[in-house]
N, C-alpha and C. Protein backbone atom coordinates (compact mmCIF):
# COMPACT_ATOMS: atom_id res chain seq x y z
N MET A 1 32.61 123.54 -44.33
CA MET A 1 32.75 124.54 -43.08
C MET A 1 31.51 125.55 -43.38
N LYS A 2 31.05 126.11 -42.25
CA LYS A 2 30.69 127.00 -42.41
C LYS A 2 30.98 128.03 -41.55
N THR A 3 30.83 129.36 -42.48
CA THR A 3 31.81 130.86 -41.67
C THR A 3 30.22 131.97 -41.05
N SER A 4 31.09 132.60 -40.46
CA SER A 4 29.76 133.07 -39.29
C SER A 4 29.78 134.65 -40.55
N PRO A 5 28.56 135.37 -40.19
CA PRO A 5 28.60 136.55 -41.14
C PRO A 5 29.54 137.36 -40.40
N ASN A 6 29.76 137.40 -39.08
CA ASN A 6 30.98 137.85 -38.47
C ASN A 6 31.98 137.99 -39.29
N ARG A 7 32.56 136.77 -39.42
CA ARG A 7 33.51 136.75 -39.94
C ARG A 7 34.02 137.00 -41.13
N ILE A 8 32.96 136.96 -42.35
CA ILE A 8 32.90 137.43 -43.68
C ILE A 8 33.07 139.07 -43.67
N VAL A 9 32.16 139.47 -42.57
CA VAL A 9 32.36 141.28 -42.51
C VAL A 9 33.75 141.44 -41.95
N LEU A 10 34.26 141.15 -41.27
CA LEU A 10 35.31 141.09 -40.95
C LEU A 10 36.56 141.18 -41.58
N LEU A 11 36.70 139.95 -42.79
CA LEU A 11 37.73 140.06 -43.38
C LEU A 11 36.82 140.92 -44.96
N LEU A 12 35.72 141.34 -45.07
CA LEU A 12 35.56 142.01 -46.12
C LEU A 12 36.18 143.75 -45.90
N LEU A 13 36.08 144.10 -44.26
CA LEU A 13 36.24 145.40 -43.72
C LEU A 13 38.45 145.23 -43.76
N ALA A 14 38.54 143.82 -43.71
CA ALA A 14 40.43 144.10 -43.39
C ALA A 14 40.63 143.93 -44.79
N SER A 15 40.40 143.45 -45.62
CA SER A 15 39.78 143.58 -47.06
C SER A 15 40.27 145.41 -48.07
N VAL A 16 39.24 145.90 -47.61
CA VAL A 16 38.96 147.06 -47.91
C VAL A 16 39.82 148.00 -47.59
N LEU A 17 40.37 147.91 -46.14
CA LEU A 17 40.92 148.73 -45.16
C LEU A 17 42.48 148.46 -46.27
N LEU A 18 42.79 147.00 -45.94
CA LEU A 18 44.27 147.17 -46.89
C LEU A 18 44.16 147.51 -48.06
N ALA A 19 43.22 147.45 -48.85
CA ALA A 19 43.57 148.42 -50.58
C ALA A 19 43.15 149.61 -50.51
N LEU A 20 42.86 150.32 -49.46
CA LEU A 20 42.88 151.68 -49.66
C LEU A 20 44.10 151.83 -49.18
N PHE A 21 44.90 151.62 -47.91
CA PHE A 21 45.97 151.40 -47.69
C PHE A 21 47.23 151.22 -48.63
N GLY A 22 47.24 150.53 -48.99
CA GLY A 22 47.88 150.10 -50.35
C GLY A 22 48.01 150.95 -50.97
N ALA A 23 47.01 151.28 -51.72
CA ALA A 23 46.92 152.84 -52.73
C ALA A 23 47.36 154.03 -52.31
N GLY A 24 47.41 154.06 -50.84
CA GLY A 24 48.39 155.13 -50.33
C GLY A 24 49.78 155.20 -50.52
N CYS A 25 50.07 154.14 -50.70
CA CYS A 25 52.01 153.74 -50.69
C CYS A 25 52.29 153.20 -52.06
N ALA A 26 52.84 154.04 -52.69
CA ALA A 26 53.10 153.36 -54.18
C ALA A 26 53.92 152.84 -54.16
N THR A 27 55.27 152.96 -52.96
CA THR A 27 56.14 151.85 -53.03
C THR A 27 56.70 150.93 -51.79
N VAL A 28 57.56 150.25 -51.13
CA VAL A 28 57.51 149.44 -50.26
C VAL A 28 58.32 151.04 -49.10
N ARG A 29 59.17 151.56 -49.61
CA ARG A 29 59.23 152.56 -49.13
C ARG A 29 58.51 153.54 -48.02
N GLY A 30 57.61 154.09 -49.10
CA GLY A 30 56.45 154.52 -48.91
C GLY A 30 55.89 153.76 -47.34
N PHE A 31 55.47 152.85 -47.81
CA PHE A 31 54.69 151.68 -47.10
C PHE A 31 55.55 151.71 -45.38
N GLY A 32 56.73 151.41 -45.40
CA GLY A 32 58.11 152.12 -44.21
C GLY A 32 57.61 152.87 -43.81
N ARG A 33 57.33 154.43 -44.61
CA ARG A 33 57.31 155.25 -43.51
C ARG A 33 56.19 155.23 -43.19
N ASP A 34 55.15 155.13 -43.56
CA ASP A 34 53.94 154.85 -42.91
C ASP A 34 53.72 154.31 -41.99
N VAL A 35 54.00 153.08 -41.77
CA VAL A 35 54.38 152.16 -40.64
C VAL A 35 54.98 152.67 -39.24
N GLY A 36 56.08 153.57 -39.73
CA GLY A 36 57.09 153.80 -38.50
C GLY A 36 56.03 155.37 -38.18
N THR A 37 55.21 155.93 -38.79
CA THR A 37 55.02 157.50 -38.81
C THR A 37 53.99 156.91 -37.78
N ALA A 38 52.95 156.02 -38.16
CA ALA A 38 51.54 155.19 -37.13
C ALA A 38 52.48 154.43 -35.75
N GLY A 39 53.49 154.25 -35.97
CA GLY A 39 54.30 153.99 -34.79
C GLY A 39 54.18 155.12 -33.66
N GLU A 40 55.09 155.91 -34.50
CA GLU A 40 55.57 157.19 -33.76
C GLU A 40 53.95 157.87 -32.77
N HIS A 41 53.06 157.81 -34.02
CA HIS A 41 51.69 157.99 -33.32
C HIS A 41 51.31 157.29 -31.80
N ILE A 42 51.40 156.32 -32.20
CA ILE A 42 50.54 155.19 -31.06
C ILE A 42 51.60 155.77 -30.11
N GLU A 43 52.90 155.72 -30.11
CA GLU A 43 54.23 155.89 -28.78
C GLU A 43 53.61 157.46 -28.42
N ASP A 44 53.38 158.26 -29.15
CA ASP A 44 52.98 159.52 -28.38
C ASP A 44 51.80 159.30 -28.01
N SER A 45 50.71 158.88 -27.55
CA SER A 45 49.37 158.45 -27.36
C SER A 45 49.50 157.54 -25.93
N THR A 46 50.73 157.00 -26.31
CA THR A 46 50.42 156.17 -24.72
C THR A 46 51.53 157.63 -24.06
N ARG A 47 52.35 158.61 -24.11
CA ARG A 47 52.76 159.30 -23.03
C ARG A 47 51.45 160.50 -22.34
């Protein structure tokens, strides 16, 4: 199975972002708050 370089870079970037995001949320509750806040910002930007 051949993997393209673009796919490897994308997976690496996604892994790094997930690790950084996960480090910012110490608990599941904190993760829920972060997701909720992100959703609110997205809603506000569409208005």
